[in-house]
Amino acid sequence: MSMLAVNYTTLRNNLKDYCDTVTDNDETVIVTRKDEKNVVIISLSEYNRLMKAARNAEYLAMIDRSMAQLESGKGQQHELIEVDDE
């Protein structure tokens, strides 16, 4: 995946072309603005991929914390609840 940088005015004047470039060519567009208030344009599929990766990282971190608690003796043992199939 490559990255383009464009100023706000150029983007505004060519928005359709930049949106097509993002979606058709898997590009990332950085919109440069005054006072370092830059933004990034990515495709929805890339956004979804990034969000999934973030959720997975959070889940793995939770598992790591749980494992550390168990290893330090902070776990609790419970009886399993069995459900009768009727």
PDB file of N, CA and C in Angstrom:
ATOM      1  N   MET A   1       0.856  -1.181   0.000  1.00  0.00           N
ATOM      2  CA  MET A   1       0.000   0.000   0.000  1.00  0.00           C
ATOM      3  C   MET A   1       0.895   1.234   0.000  1.00  0.00           C
ATOM      4  N   SER A   2       0.572   2.148  -0.863  1.00  0.00           N
ATOM      5  CA  SER A   2       1.365   3.372  -0.932  1.00  0.00           C
ATOM      6  C   SER A   2       0.600   4.538  -0.337  1.00  0.00           C
ATOM      7  N   MET A   3       1.283   5.673  -0.251  1.00  0.00           N
ATOM      8  CA  MET A   3       0.714   6.831   0.414  1.00  0.00           C
ATOM      9  C   MET A   3       0.936   8.077  -0.440  1.00  0.00           C
ATOM     10  N   LEU A   4      -0.094   8.892  -0.525  1.00  0.00           N
ATOM     11  CA  LEU A   4      -0.001  10.176  -1.208  1.00  0.00           C
ATOM     12  C   LEU A   4      -0.251  11.281  -0.199  1.00  0.00           C
ATOM     13  N   ALA A   5       0.392  12.419  -0.413  1.00  0.00           N
ATOM     14  CA  ALA A   5       0.121  13.596   0.419  1.00  0.00           C
ATOM     15  C   ALA A   5      -0.394  14.699  -0.500  1.00  0.00           C
ATOM     16  N   VAL A   6      -1.475  15.332  -0.062  1.00  0.00           N
ATOM     17  CA  VAL A   6      -2.084  16.378  -0.874  1.00  0.00           C
ATOM     18  C   VAL A   6      -2.620  17.452   0.073  1.00  0.00           C
ATOM     19  N   ASN A   7      -2.574  18.699  -0.375  1.00  0.00           N
ATOM     20  CA  ASN A   7      -3.121  19.746   0.487  1.00  0.00           C
ATOM     21  C   ASN A   7      -4.640  19.799   0.334  1.00  0.00           C
ATOM     22  N   TYR A   8      -5.269  20.447   1.273  1.00  0.00           N
ATOM     23  CA  TYR A   8      -6.724  20.476   1.361  1.00  0.00           C
ATOM     24  C   TYR A   8      -7.365  21.043   0.094  1.00  0.00           C
ATOM     25  N   THR A   9      -6.831  22.109  -0.425  1.00  0.00           N
ATOM     26  CA  THR A   9      -7.414  22.756  -1.599  1.00  0.00           C
ATOM     27  C   THR A   9      -7.358  21.836  -2.811  1.00  0.00           C
ATOM     28  N   THR A  10      -6.226  21.186  -3.015  1.00  0.00           N
ATOM     29  CA  THR A  10      -6.094  20.254  -4.144  1.00  0.00           C
ATOM     30  C   THR A  10      -7.069  19.096  -3.992  1.00  0.00           C
ATOM     31  N   LEU A  11      -7.194  18.579  -2.775  1.00  0.00           N
ATOM     32  CA  LEU A  11      -8.146  17.493  -2.529  1.00  0.00           C
ATOM     33  C   LEU A  11      -9.569  17.943  -2.848  1.00  0.00           C
ATOM     34  N   ARG A  12      -9.936  19.103  -2.336  1.00  0.00           N
ATOM     35  CA  ARG A  12     -11.295  19.611  -2.549  1.00  0.00           C
ATOM     36  C   ARG A  12     -11.596  19.751  -4.036  1.00  0.00           C
ATOM     37  N   ASN A  13     -10.634  20.209  -4.800  1.00  0.00           N
ATOM     38  CA  ASN A  13     -10.845  20.413  -6.231  1.00  0.00           C
ATOM     39  C   ASN A  13     -10.842  19.103  -7.024  1.00  0.00           C
ATOM     40  N   ASN A  14     -10.337  18.035  -6.441  1.00  0.00           N
ATOM     41  CA  ASN A  14     -10.209  16.751  -7.143  1.00  0.00           C
ATOM     42  C   ASN A  14     -10.697  15.593  -6.285  1.00  0.00           C
ATOM     43  N   LEU A  15     -11.714  15.825  -5.483  1.00  0.00           N
ATOM     44  CA  LEU A  15     -12.152  14.837  -4.501  1.00  0.00           C
ATOM     45  C   LEU A  15     -12.496  13.493  -5.135  1.00  0.00           C
ATOM     46  N   LYS A  16     -13.260  13.490  -6.204  1.00  0.00           N
ATOM     47  CA  LYS A  16     -13.647  12.228  -6.835  1.00  0.00           C
ATOM     48  C   LYS A  16     -12.415  11.436  -7.256  1.00  0.00           C
ATOM     49  N   ASP A  17     -11.457  12.103  -7.894  1.00  0.00           N
ATOM     50  CA  ASP A  17     -10.247  11.412  -8.358  1.00  0.00           C
ATOM     51  C   ASP A  17      -9.477  10.798  -7.186  1.00  0.00           C
ATOM     52  N   TYR A  18      -9.355  11.530  -6.087  1.00  0.00           N
ATOM     53  CA  TYR A  18      -8.632  10.997  -4.934  1.00  0.00           C
ATOM     54  C   TYR A  18      -9.407   9.854  -4.279  1.00  0.00           C
ATOM     55  N   CYS A  19     -10.730   9.954  -4.204  1.00  0.00           N
ATOM     56  CA  CYS A  19     -11.535   8.849  -3.661  1.00  0.00           C
ATOM     57  C   CYS A  19     -11.375   7.607  -4.522  1.00  0.00           C
ATOM     58  N   ASP A  20     -11.392   7.782  -5.841  1.00  0.00           N
ATOM     59  CA  ASP A  20     -11.190   6.648  -6.743  1.00  0.00           C
ATOM     60  C   ASP A  20      -9.803   6.041  -6.571  1.00  0.00           C
ATOM     61  N   THR A  21      -8.792   6.877  -6.397  1.00  0.00           N
ATOM     62  CA  THR A  21      -7.433   6.388  -6.196  1.00  0.00           C
ATOM     63  C   THR A  21      -7.336   5.570  -4.917  1.00  0.00           C
ATOM     64  N   VAL A  22      -8.005   6.036  -3.875  1.00  0.00           N
ATOM     65  CA  VAL A  22      -7.988   5.317  -2.590  1.00  0.00           C
ATOM     66  C   VAL A  22      -8.632   3.945  -2.747  1.00  0.00           C
ATOM     67  N   THR A  23      -9.801   3.893  -3.363  1.00  0.00           N
ATOM     68  CA  THR A  23     -10.523   2.627  -3.451  1.00  0.00           C
ATOM     69  C   THR A  23     -10.000   1.711  -4.555  1.00  0.00           C
ATOM     70  N   ASP A  24      -9.653   2.270  -5.701  1.00  0.00           N
ATOM     71  CA  ASP A  24      -9.245   1.439  -6.839  1.00  0.00           C
ATOM     72  C   ASP A  24      -7.795   0.974  -6.755  1.00  0.00           C
ATOM     73  N   ASN A  25      -6.934   1.770  -6.157  1.00  0.00           N
ATOM     74  CA  ASN A  25      -5.499   1.459  -6.132  1.00  0.00           C
ATOM     75  C   ASN A  25      -4.967   1.162  -4.742  1.00  0.00           C
ATOM     76  N   ASP A  26      -5.869   1.028  -3.769  1.00  0.00           N
ATOM     77  CA  ASP A  26      -5.482   0.748  -2.392  1.00  0.00           C
ATOM     78  C   ASP A  26      -4.455   1.765  -1.875  1.00  0.00           C
ATOM     79  N   GLU A  27      -4.681   3.021  -2.197  1.00  0.00           N
ATOM     80  CA  GLU A  27      -3.797   4.109  -1.764  1.00  0.00           C
ATOM     81  C   GLU A  27      -4.312   4.701  -0.455  1.00  0.00           C
ATOM     82  N   THR A  28      -3.420   5.318   0.266  1.00  0.00           N
ATOM     83  CA  THR A  28      -3.763   6.116   1.434  1.00  0.00           C
ATOM     84  C   THR A  28      -3.442   7.561   1.084  1.00  0.00           C
ATOM     85  N   VAL A  29      -4.368   8.470   1.381  1.00  0.00           N
ATOM     86  CA  VAL A  29      -4.149   9.883   1.085  1.00  0.00           C
ATOM     87  C   VAL A  29      -4.057  10.642   2.399  1.00  0.00           C
ATOM     88  N   ILE A  30      -2.966  11.351   2.578  1.00  0.00           N
ATOM     89  CA  ILE A  30      -2.790  12.231   3.727  1.00  0.00           C
ATOM     90  C   ILE A  30      -3.153  13.636   3.268  1.00  0.00           C
ATOM     91  N   VAL A  31      -4.124  14.221   3.932  1.00  0.00           N
ATOM     92  CA  VAL A  31      -4.546  15.580   3.587  1.00  0.00           C
ATOM     93  C   VAL A  31      -3.834  16.517   4.552  1.00  0.00           C
ATOM     94  N   THR A  32      -2.937  17.317   4.001  1.00  0.00           N
ATOM     95  CA  THR A  32      -2.178  18.251   4.829  1.00  0.00           C
ATOM     96  C   THR A  32      -2.989  19.526   5.018  1.00  0.00           C
ATOM     97  N   ARG A  33      -3.010  19.984   6.272  1.00  0.00           N
ATOM     98  CA  ARG A  33      -3.774  21.178   6.619  1.00  0.00           C
ATOM     99  C   ARG A  33      -2.926  22.068   7.507  1.00  0.00           C
ATOM    100  N   LYS A  34      -3.389  23.270   7.698  1.00  0.00           N
ATOM    101  CA  LYS A  34      -2.671  24.221   8.549  1.00  0.00           C
ATOM    102  C   LYS A  34      -2.595  23.707   9.979  1.00  0.00           C
ATOM    103  N   ASP A  35      -1.573  24.129  10.677  1.00  0.00           N
ATOM    104  CA  ASP A  35      -1.386  23.827  12.093  1.00  0.00           C
ATOM    105  C   ASP A  35      -1.320  22.327  12.378  1.00  0.00           C
ATOM    106  N   GLU A  36      -0.786  21.555  11.419  1.00  0.00           N
ATOM    107  CA  GLU A  36      -0.597  20.107  11.613  1.00  0.00           C
ATOM    108  C   GLU A  36      -1.901  19.369  11.903  1.00  0.00           C
ATOM    109  N   LYS A  37      -3.025  19.882  11.438  1.00  0.00           N
ATOM    110  CA  LYS A  37      -4.313  19.208  11.634  1.00  0.00           C
ATOM    111  C   LYS A  37      -4.607  18.295  10.441  1.00  0.00           C
ATOM    112  N   ASN A  38      -3.636  17.449  10.124  1.00  0.00           N
ATOM    113  CA  ASN A  38      -3.734  16.569   8.972  1.00  0.00           C
ATOM    114  C   ASN A  38      -4.727  15.440   9.226  1.00  0.00           C
ATOM    115  N   VAL A  39      -5.296  14.926   8.147  1.00  0.00           N
ATOM    116  CA  VAL A  39      -6.198  13.781   8.216  1.00  0.00           C
ATOM    117  C   VAL A  39      -5.770  12.763   7.171  1.00  0.00           C
ATOM    118  N   VAL A  40      -6.273  11.534   7.328  1.00  0.00           N
ATOM    119  CA  VAL A  40      -5.931  10.456   6.415  1.00  0.00           C
ATOM    120  C   VAL A  40      -7.210   9.906   5.803  1.00  0.00           C
ATOM    121  N   ILE A  41      -7.180   9.641   4.518  1.00  0.00           N
ATOM    122  CA  ILE A  41      -8.298   9.011   3.835  1.00  0.00           C
ATOM    123  C   ILE A  41      -7.860   7.605   3.444  1.00  0.00           C
ATOM    124  N   ILE A  42      -8.636   6.606   3.899  1.00  0.00           N
ATOM    125  CA  ILE A  42      -8.391   5.212   3.535  1.00  0.00           C
ATOM    126  C   ILE A  42      -9.708   4.599   3.073  1.00  0.00           C
ATOM    127  N   SER A  43      -9.619   3.480   2.406  1.00  0.00           N
ATOM    128  CA  SER A  43     -10.831   2.801   1.956  1.00  0.00           C
ATOM    129  C   SER A  43     -11.543   2.163   3.140  1.00  0.00           C
ATOM    130  N   LEU A  44     -12.817   1.877   2.952  1.00  0.00           N
ATOM    131  CA  LEU A  44     -13.594   1.225   4.001  1.00  0.00           C
ATOM    132  C   LEU A  44     -13.015  -0.152   4.308  1.00  0.00           C
ATOM    133  N   SER A  45     -12.585  -0.885   3.302  1.00  0.00           N
ATOM    134  CA  SER A  45     -12.019  -2.216   3.546  1.00  0.00           C
ATOM    135  C   SER A  45     -10.738  -2.119   4.380  1.00  0.00           C
ATOM    136  N   GLU A  46      -9.916  -1.112   4.132  1.00  0.00           N
ATOM    137  CA  GLU A  46      -8.698  -0.928   4.929  1.00  0.00           C
ATOM    138  C   GLU A  46      -9.049  -0.523   6.353  1.00  0.00           C
ATOM    139  N   TYR A  47     -10.030   0.350   6.508  1.00  0.00           N
ATOM    140  CA  TYR A  47     -10.494   0.750   7.836  1.00  0.00           C
ATOM    141  C   TYR A  47     -10.989  -0.470   8.607  1.00  0.00           C
ATOM    142  N   ASN A  48     -11.810  -1.300   7.961  1.00  0.00           N
ATOM    143  CA  ASN A  48     -12.319  -2.503   8.621  1.00  0.00           C
ATOM    144  C   ASN A  48     -11.185  -3.443   9.016  1.00  0.00           C
ATOM    145  N   ARG A  49     -10.181  -3.587   8.154  1.00  0.00           N
ATOM    146  CA  ARG A  49      -9.018  -4.425   8.474  1.00  0.00           C
ATOM    147  C   ARG A  49      -8.278  -3.889   9.695  1.00  0.00           C
ATOM    148  N   LEU A  50      -8.091  -2.580   9.742  1.00  0.00           N
ATOM    149  CA  LEU A  50      -7.397  -1.961  10.875  1.00  0.00           C
ATOM    150  C   LEU A  50      -8.189  -2.116  12.167  1.00  0.00           C
ATOM    151  N   MET A  51      -9.507  -1.948  12.085  1.00  0.00           N
ATOM    152  CA  MET A  51     -10.343  -2.090  13.278  1.00  0.00           C
ATOM    153  C   MET A  51     -10.337  -3.533  13.779  1.00  0.00           C
ATOM    154  N   LYS A  52     -10.369  -4.495  12.875  1.00  0.00           N
ATOM    155  CA  LYS A  52     -10.316  -5.902  13.263  1.00  0.00           C
ATOM    156  C   LYS A  52      -8.981  -6.210  13.942  1.00  0.00           C
ATOM    157  N   ALA A  53      -7.901  -5.691  13.382  1.00  0.00           N
ATOM    158  CA  ALA A  53      -6.580  -5.905  13.974  1.00  0.00           C
ATOM    159  C   ALA A  53      -6.514  -5.291  15.375  1.00  0.00           C
ATOM    160  N   ALA A  54      -7.112  -4.120  15.554  1.00  0.00           N
ATOM    161  CA  ALA A  54      -7.112  -3.478  16.875  1.00  0.00           C
ATOM    162  C   ALA A  54      -7.925  -4.292  17.873  1.00  0.00           C
ATOM    163  N   ARG A  55      -9.088  -4.795  17.442  1.00  0.00           N
ATOM    164  CA  ARG A  55      -9.902  -5.637  18.337  1.00  0.00           C
ATOM    165  C   ARG A  55      -9.163  -6.919  18.701  1.00  0.00           C
ATOM    166  N   ASN A  56      -8.496  -7.510  17.720  1.00  0.00           N
ATOM    167  CA  ASN A  56      -7.728  -8.727  17.997  1.00  0.00           C
ATOM    168  C   ASN A  56      -6.602  -8.450  18.977  1.00  0.00           C
ATOM    169  N   ALA A  57      -5.928  -7.316  18.823  1.00  0.00           N
ATOM    170  CA  ALA A  57      -4.840  -6.958  19.733  1.00  0.00           C
ATOM    171  C   ALA A  57      -5.372  -6.755  21.147  1.00  0.00           C
ATOM    172  N   GLU A  58      -6.533  -6.107  21.274  1.00  0.00           N
ATOM    173  CA  GLU A  58      -7.144  -5.909  22.595  1.00  0.00           C
ATOM    174  C   GLU A  58      -7.511  -7.254  23.223  1.00  0.00           C
ATOM    175  N   TYR A  59      -8.066  -8.159  22.422  1.00  0.00           N
ATOM    176  CA  TYR A  59      -8.462  -9.478  22.925  1.00  0.00           C
ATOM    177  C   TYR A  59      -7.236 -10.270  23.383  1.00  0.00           C
ATOM    178  N   LEU A  60      -6.175 -10.242  22.585  1.00  0.00           N
ATOM    179  CA  LEU A  60      -4.953 -10.958  22.963  1.00  0.00           C
ATOM    180  C   LEU A  60      -4.332 -10.360  24.221  1.00  0.00           C
ATOM    181  N   ALA A  61      -4.386  -9.051  24.366  1.00  0.00           N
ATOM    182  CA  ALA A  61      -3.861  -8.406  25.574  1.00  0.00           C
ATOM    183  C   ALA A  61      -4.669  -8.830  26.794  1.00  0.00           C
ATOM    184  N   MET A  62      -5.991  -8.962  26.634  1.00  0.00           N
ATOM    185  CA  MET A  62      -6.844  -9.417  27.731  1.00  0.00           C
ATOM    186  C   MET A  62      -6.474 -10.849  28.126  1.00  0.00           C
ATOM    187  N   ILE A  63      -6.237 -11.700  27.145  1.00  0.00           N
ATOM    188  CA  ILE A  63      -5.829 -13.075  27.437  1.00  0.00           C
ATOM    189  C   ILE A  63      -4.485 -13.089  28.156  1.00  0.00           C
ATOM    190  N   ASP A  64      -3.561 -12.260  27.703  1.00  0.00           N
ATOM    191  CA  ASP A  64      -2.244 -12.180  28.370  1.00  0.00           C
ATOM    192  C   ASP A  64      -2.393 -11.747  29.824  1.00  0.00           C
ATOM    193  N   ARG A  65      -3.251 -10.748  30.083  1.00  0.00           N
ATOM    194  CA  ARG A  65      -3.461 -10.294  31.461  1.00  0.00           C
ATOM    195  C   ARG A  65      -4.083 -11.413  32.297  1.00  0.00           C
ATOM    196  N   SER A  66      -5.035 -12.131  31.721  1.00  0.00           N
ATOM    197  CA  SER A  66      -5.673 -13.227  32.440  1.00  0.00           C
ATOM    198  C   SER A  66      -4.682 -14.333  32.754  1.00  0.00           C
ATOM    199  N   MET A  67      -3.840 -14.655  31.804  1.00  0.00           N
ATOM    200  CA  MET A  67      -2.820 -15.693  32.029  1.00  0.00           C
ATOM    201  C   MET A  67      -1.849 -15.259  33.128  1.00  0.00           C
ATOM    202  N   ALA A  68      -1.477 -13.992  33.123  1.00  0.00           N
ATOM    203  CA  ALA A  68      -0.568 -13.483  34.156  1.00  0.00           C
ATOM    204  C   ALA A  68      -1.223 -13.567  35.532  1.00  0.00           C
ATOM    205  N   GLN A  69      -2.525 -13.271  35.607  1.00  0.00           N
ATOM    206  CA  GLN A  69      -3.236 -13.381  36.884  1.00  0.00           C
ATOM    207  C   GLN A  69      -3.272 -14.827  37.353  1.00  0.00           C
ATOM    208  N   LEU A  70      -3.543 -15.739  36.457  1.00  0.00           N
ATOM    209  CA  LEU A  70      -3.572 -17.158  36.829  1.00  0.00           C
ATOM    210  C   LEU A  70      -2.202 -17.624  37.312  1.00  0.00           C
ATOM    211  N   GLU A  71      -1.160 -17.233  36.592  1.00  0.00           N
ATOM    212  CA  GLU A  71       0.200 -17.647  36.944  1.00  0.00           C
ATOM    213  C   GLU A  71       0.639 -17.057  38.281  1.00  0.00           C
ATOM    214  N   SER A  72       0.083 -15.913  38.659  1.00  0.00           N
ATOM    215  CA  SER A  72       0.456 -15.302  39.939  1.00  0.00           C
ATOM    216  C   SER A  72      -0.440 -15.782  41.083  1.00  0.00           C
ATOM    217  N   GLY A  73      -1.300 -16.771  40.793  1.00  0.00           N
ATOM    218  CA  GLY A  73      -2.131 -17.355  41.841  1.00  0.00           C
ATOM    219  C   GLY A  73      -3.408 -16.584  42.133  1.00  0.00           C
ATOM    220  N   LYS A  74      -3.803 -15.697  41.252  1.00  0.00           N
ATOM    221  CA  LYS A  74      -4.993 -14.884  41.501  1.00  0.00           C
ATOM    222  C   LYS A  74      -6.252 -15.460  40.845  1.00  0.00           C
ATOM    223  N   GLY A  75      -6.164 -16.706  40.356  1.00  0.00           N
ATOM    224  CA  GLY A  75      -7.323 -17.323  39.724  1.00  0.00           C
ATOM    225  C   GLY A  75      -8.230 -17.960  40.753  1.00  0.00           C
ATOM    226  N   GLN A  76      -9.446 -18.263  40.339  1.00  0.00           N
ATOM    227  CA  GLN A  76     -10.410 -18.939  41.201  1.00  0.00           C
ATOM    228  C   GLN A  76     -10.938 -20.162  40.467  1.00  0.00           C
ATOM    229  N   GLN A  77     -11.146 -21.241  41.221  1.00  0.00           N
ATOM    230  CA  GLN A  77     -11.671 -22.456  40.634  1.00  0.00           C
ATOM    231  C   GLN A  77     -13.166 -22.528  40.887  1.00  0.00           C
ATOM    232  N   HIS A  78     -13.913 -22.881  39.837  1.00  0.00           N
ATOM    233  CA  HIS A  78     -15.376 -22.987  39.941  1.00  0.00           C
ATOM    234  C   HIS A  78     -15.800 -24.327  39.348  1.00  0.00           C
ATOM    235  N   GLU A  79     -16.916 -24.846  39.859  1.00  0.00           N
ATOM    236  CA  GLU A  79     -17.491 -26.042  39.273  1.00  0.00           C
ATOM    237  C   GLU A  79     -18.167 -25.659  37.971  1.00  0.00           C
ATOM    238  N   LEU A  80     -18.099 -26.564  37.008  1.00  0.00           N
ATOM    239  CA  LEU A  80     -18.779 -26.318  35.729  1.00  0.00           C
ATOM    240  C   LEU A  80     -20.274 -26.536  35.907  1.00  0.00           C
ATOM    241  N   ILE A  81     -21.023 -25.737  35.229  1.00  0.00           N
ATOM    242  CA  ILE A  81     -22.469 -25.874  35.242  1.00  0.00           C
ATOM    243  C   ILE A  81     -22.859 -26.692  34.018  1.00  0.00           C
ATOM    244  N   GLU A  82     -23.512 -27.812  34.258  1.00  0.00           N
ATOM    245  CA  GLU A  82     -23.937 -28.639  33.139  1.00  0.00           C
ATOM    246  C   GLU A  82     -25.415 -28.408  32.866  1.00  0.00           C
ATOM    247  N   VAL A  83     -25.729 -28.279  31.603  1.00  0.00           N
ATOM    248  CA  VAL A  83     -27.105 -28.052  31.195  1.00  0.00           C
ATOM    249  C   VAL A  83     -27.637 -29.343  30.603  1.00  0.00           C
ATOM    250  N   ASP A  84     -28.776 -29.813  31.101  1.00  0.00           N
ATOM    251  CA  ASP A  84     -29.386 -31.025  30.554  1.00  0.00           C
ATOM    252  C   ASP A  84     -30.095 -30.692  29.255  1.00  0.00           C
ATOM    253  N   ASP A  85     -29.825 -31.502  28.234  1.00  0.00           N
ATOM    254  CA  ASP A  85     -30.543 -31.349  26.964  1.00  0.00           C
ATOM    255  C   ASP A  85     -31.883 -32.065  27.094  1.00  0.00           C
ATOM    256  N   GLU A  86     -32.929 -31.393  26.804  1.00  0.00           N
ATOM    257  CA  GLU A  86     -34.264 -31.994  26.922  1.00  0.00           C
ATOM    258  C   GLU A  86     -34.948 -32.076  25.603  1.00  0.00           C
TER     259      GLU A  86
END
